[in-house]
C-alpha atoms as a PDB file:
ATOM      1  CA  MET A   1     -11.756  21.340 -64.591  1.00  0.00           C
ATOM      2  CA  SER A   2     -10.072  21.045 -61.331  1.00  0.00           C
ATOM      3  CA  THR A   3     -11.793  20.936 -57.997  1.00  0.00           C
ATOM      4  CA  LEU A   4      -8.711  22.174 -56.197  1.00  0.00           C
ATOM      5  CA  LYS A   5      -9.578  25.869 -55.644  1.00  0.00           C
ATOM      6  CA  ALA A   6      -6.752  28.311 -54.886  1.00  0.00           C
ATOM      7  CA  LEU A   7      -7.740  31.709 -53.445  1.00  0.00           C
ATOM      8  CA  VAL A   8      -5.199  34.392 -54.897  1.00  0.00           C
ATOM      9  CA  ILE A   9      -4.882  37.624 -53.133  1.00  0.00           C
ATOM     10  CA  CYS A  10      -3.103  40.076 -55.203  1.00  0.00           C
ATOM     11  CA  ASP A  11      -3.666  43.596 -55.909  1.00  0.00           C
ATOM     12  CA  GLU A  12      -1.435  43.798 -58.883  1.00  0.00           C
ATOM     13  CA  PRO A  13      -2.785  42.437 -62.246  1.00  0.00           C
ATOM     14  CA  ILE A  14       0.375  41.499 -63.916  1.00  0.00           C
ATOM     15  CA  ARG A  15       1.530  39.577 -60.760  1.00  0.00           C
ATOM     16  CA  ARG A  16      -1.921  37.990 -60.456  1.00  0.00           C
ATOM     17  CA  ASP A  17      -1.831  36.880 -64.213  1.00  0.00           C
ATOM     18  CA  PHE A  18       1.526  35.362 -63.308  1.00  0.00           C
ATOM     19  CA  LEU A  19       0.281  33.529 -60.436  1.00  0.00           C
ATOM     20  CA  PHE A  20      -2.740  32.416 -62.059  1.00  0.00           C
ATOM     21  CA  ASN A  21      -0.792  30.771 -64.916  1.00  0.00           C
ATOM     22  CA  VAL A  22       1.405  28.777 -62.502  1.00  0.00           C
ATOM     23  CA  LEU A  23      -1.516  27.423 -60.535  1.00  0.00           C
ATOM     24  CA  THR A  24      -3.700  26.597 -63.379  1.00  0.00           C
ATOM     25  CA  ASN A  25      -0.540  24.588 -65.012  1.00  0.00           C
ATOM     26  CA  ALA A  26      -0.266  22.920 -61.627  1.00  0.00           C
ATOM     27  CA  GLY A  27      -3.990  21.695 -61.749  1.00  0.00           C
ATOM     28  CA  TYR A  28      -5.706  24.305 -59.465  1.00  0.00           C
ATOM     29  CA  PHE A  29      -8.937  26.581 -60.464  1.00  0.00           C
ATOM     30  CA  PRO A  30      -7.402  29.998 -59.181  1.00  0.00           C
ATOM     31  CA  VAL A  31     -10.014  32.440 -58.204  1.00  0.00           C
ATOM     32  CA  TRP A  32      -9.583  36.217 -57.229  1.00  0.00           C
ATOM     33  CA  TYR A  33     -11.872  38.994 -56.141  1.00  0.00           C
ATOM     34  CA  GLN A  34     -12.110  42.574 -56.741  1.00  0.00           C
ATOM     35  CA  ASN A  35     -12.543  43.541 -53.117  1.00  0.00           C
ATOM     36  CA  ILE A  36     -12.418  42.685 -49.481  1.00  0.00           C
ATOM     37  CA  PHE A  37     -16.072  42.216 -49.052  1.00  0.00           C
ATOM     38  CA  ALA A  38     -16.225  39.804 -52.265  1.00  0.00           C
ATOM     39  CA  TYR A  39     -13.521  37.612 -50.478  1.00  0.00           C
ATOM     40  CA  ARG A  40     -15.100  37.585 -47.207  1.00  0.00           C
ATOM     41  CA  LYS A  41     -18.290  36.276 -48.793  1.00  0.00           C
ATOM     42  CA  ALA A  42     -16.495  33.787 -51.189  1.00  0.00           C
ATOM     43  CA  ILE A  43     -14.503  32.322 -48.180  1.00  0.00           C
ATOM     44  CA  ASN A  44     -17.862  31.741 -46.314  1.00  0.00           C
ATOM     45  CA  GLN A  45     -19.257  29.775 -48.963  1.00  0.00           C
ATOM     46  CA  ASP A  46     -16.394  27.749 -50.704  1.00  0.00           C
ATOM     47  CA  GLU A  47     -13.769  25.160 -49.616  1.00  0.00           C
ATOM     48  CA  ILE A  48     -10.442  26.531 -50.263  1.00  0.00           C
ATOM     49  CA  HIS A  49      -7.638  24.217 -51.015  1.00  0.00           C
ATOM     50  CA  LEU A  50      -4.723  26.773 -51.228  1.00  0.00           C
ATOM     51  CA  ILE A  51      -4.359  30.328 -50.302  1.00  0.00           C
ATOM     52  CA  VAL A  52      -1.731  32.524 -52.023  1.00  0.00           C
ATOM     53  CA  ALA A  53      -1.273  35.981 -50.516  1.00  0.00           C
ATOM     54  CA  ASP A  54       0.928  38.695 -52.249  1.00  0.00           C
ATOM     55  CA  LEU A  55       1.288  40.659 -49.208  1.00  0.00           C
ATOM     56  CA  SER A  56       1.652  44.072 -50.428  1.00  0.00           C
ATOM     57  CA  ILE A  57       0.232  47.135 -48.822  1.00  0.00           C
ATOM     58  CA  PRO A  58      -2.710  46.797 -47.409  1.00  0.00           C
ATOM     59  CA  ILE A  59      -1.489  43.954 -45.425  1.00  0.00           C
ATOM     60  CA  GLU A  60      -3.896  43.650 -42.418  1.00  0.00           C
ATOM     61  CA  PRO A  61      -7.129  42.940 -44.597  1.00  0.00           C
ATOM     62  CA  LYS A  62      -5.271  40.223 -46.437  1.00  0.00           C
ATOM     63  CA  ILE A  63      -4.255  38.554 -43.138  1.00  0.00           C
ATOM     64  CA  ASP A  64      -7.993  38.991 -42.035  1.00  0.00           C
ATOM     65  CA  ILE A  65      -8.997  36.916 -45.396  1.00  0.00           C
ATOM     66  CA  ILE A  66      -6.279  34.286 -44.700  1.00  0.00           C
ATOM     67  CA  ILE A  67      -7.321  33.650 -41.243  1.00  0.00           C
ATOM     68  CA  ARG A  68     -11.194  33.497 -42.129  1.00  0.00           C
ATOM     69  CA  GLY A  69     -10.411  31.342 -44.971  1.00  0.00           C
ATOM     70  CA  SER A  70      -8.526  29.033 -43.199  1.00  0.00           C
ATOM     71  CA  LYS A  71     -11.209  28.406 -40.577  1.00  0.00           C
ATOM     72  CA  ASN A  72     -13.801  27.756 -43.172  1.00  0.00           C
ATOM     73  CA  SER A  73     -11.629  25.277 -45.015  1.00  0.00           C
ATOM     74  CA  ALA A  74      -9.954  22.356 -43.895  1.00  0.00           C
ATOM     75  CA  LYS A  75      -6.690  23.979 -43.158  1.00  0.00           C
ATOM     76  CA  PRO A  76      -5.599  24.906 -46.653  1.00  0.00           C
ATOM     77  CA  ARG A  77      -2.081  25.288 -47.511  1.00  0.00           C
ATOM     78  CA  LEU A  78      -1.007  28.820 -47.421  1.00  0.00           C
ATOM     79  CA  ILE A  79       1.687  30.466 -49.516  1.00  0.00           C
ATOM     80  CA  THR A  80       2.685  33.999 -48.715  1.00  0.00           C
ATOM     81  CA  ILE A  81       4.868  36.198 -50.866  1.00  0.00           C
ATOM     82  CA  GLY A  82       6.832  38.970 -48.966  1.00  0.00           C
ATOM     83  CA  LYS A  83       6.563  40.668 -45.598  1.00  0.00           C
ATOM     84  CA  ILE A  84       8.288  38.081 -43.894  1.00  0.00           C
ATOM     85  CA  GLU A  85       9.227  40.043 -40.764  1.00  0.00           C
ATOM     86  CA  PHE A  86       5.390  40.930 -40.424  1.00  0.00           C
ATOM     87  CA  LEU A  87       4.366  37.360 -40.589  1.00  0.00           C
ATOM     88  CA  LYS A  88       6.660  36.477 -37.871  1.00  0.00           C
ATOM     89  CA  SER A  89       5.203  38.871 -35.654  1.00  0.00           C
ATOM     90  CA  THR A  90       1.873  37.110 -36.052  1.00  0.00           C
ATOM     91  CA  ASN A  91       0.454  33.527 -34.871  1.00  0.00           C
ATOM     92  CA  ILE A  92      -0.216  32.534 -38.569  1.00  0.00           C
ATOM     93  CA  LEU A  93       3.183  30.464 -38.715  1.00  0.00           C
ATOM     94  CA  ASP A  94       2.108  28.778 -35.894  1.00  0.00           C
ATOM     95  CA  ASP A  95      -1.334  27.983 -36.700  1.00  0.00           C
ATOM     96  CA  TYR A  96      -1.166  27.266 -40.485  1.00  0.00           C
ATOM     97  CA  ARG A  97       0.929  25.094 -43.179  1.00  0.00           C
ATOM     98  CA  VAL A  98       2.784  27.898 -44.567  1.00  0.00           C
ATOM     99  CA  ASP A  99       5.457  28.481 -47.397  1.00  0.00           C
ATOM    100  CA  ILE A 100       6.906  31.861 -47.155  1.00  0.00           C
ATOM    101  CA  LEU A 101       8.516  33.518 -50.170  1.00  0.00           C
ATOM    102  CA  GLU A 102      10.665  36.513 -50.529  1.00  0.00           C
ATOM    103  CA  ASP A 103      10.020  36.991 -54.119  1.00  0.00           C
ATOM    104  CA  ILE A 104       7.388  36.197 -56.493  1.00  0.00           C
ATOM    105  CA  ASN A 105       9.722  34.668 -58.922  1.00  0.00           C
ATOM    106  CA  GLU A 106      10.160  31.761 -56.229  1.00  0.00           C
ATOM    107  CA  PHE A 107       6.650  30.877 -56.952  1.00  0.00           C
ATOM    108  CA  PRO A 108       6.804  28.289 -59.823  1.00  0.00           C
ATOM    109  CA  ALA A 109       9.418  26.019 -57.795  1.00  0.00           C
ATOM    110  CA  LEU A 110       6.906  25.158 -55.267  1.00  0.00           C
ATOM    111  CA  PHE A 111       4.868  23.304 -58.185  1.00  0.00           C
ATOM    112  CA  GLN A 112       7.715  21.575 -60.078  1.00  0.00           C
ATOM    113  CA  LYS A 113       7.735  17.876 -59.766  1.00  0.00           C
END
């Protein structure tokens, strides 16, 4: 089992399954939590290597998880899907190593060798 933990923030089960499949095939151990409180607890206890955020509504709690997760781990890689204009209005792009995808279908290409 991989020790590279990937935190997946995604509300939609089919999209989440797709992300999990790609991450598992790329050697990551993806995790997902049912609610914001469970995410907050997990990121305070675990080292996160990669955060994947499917930025649908509600976006603010997801941004909070990203910021908290990045503070508690050694600057994990961040991949966001959607909401590009919103991200440009935050300081996340300045503070973190971010790959921004417009569409979830672009996700597998990030892990192709």
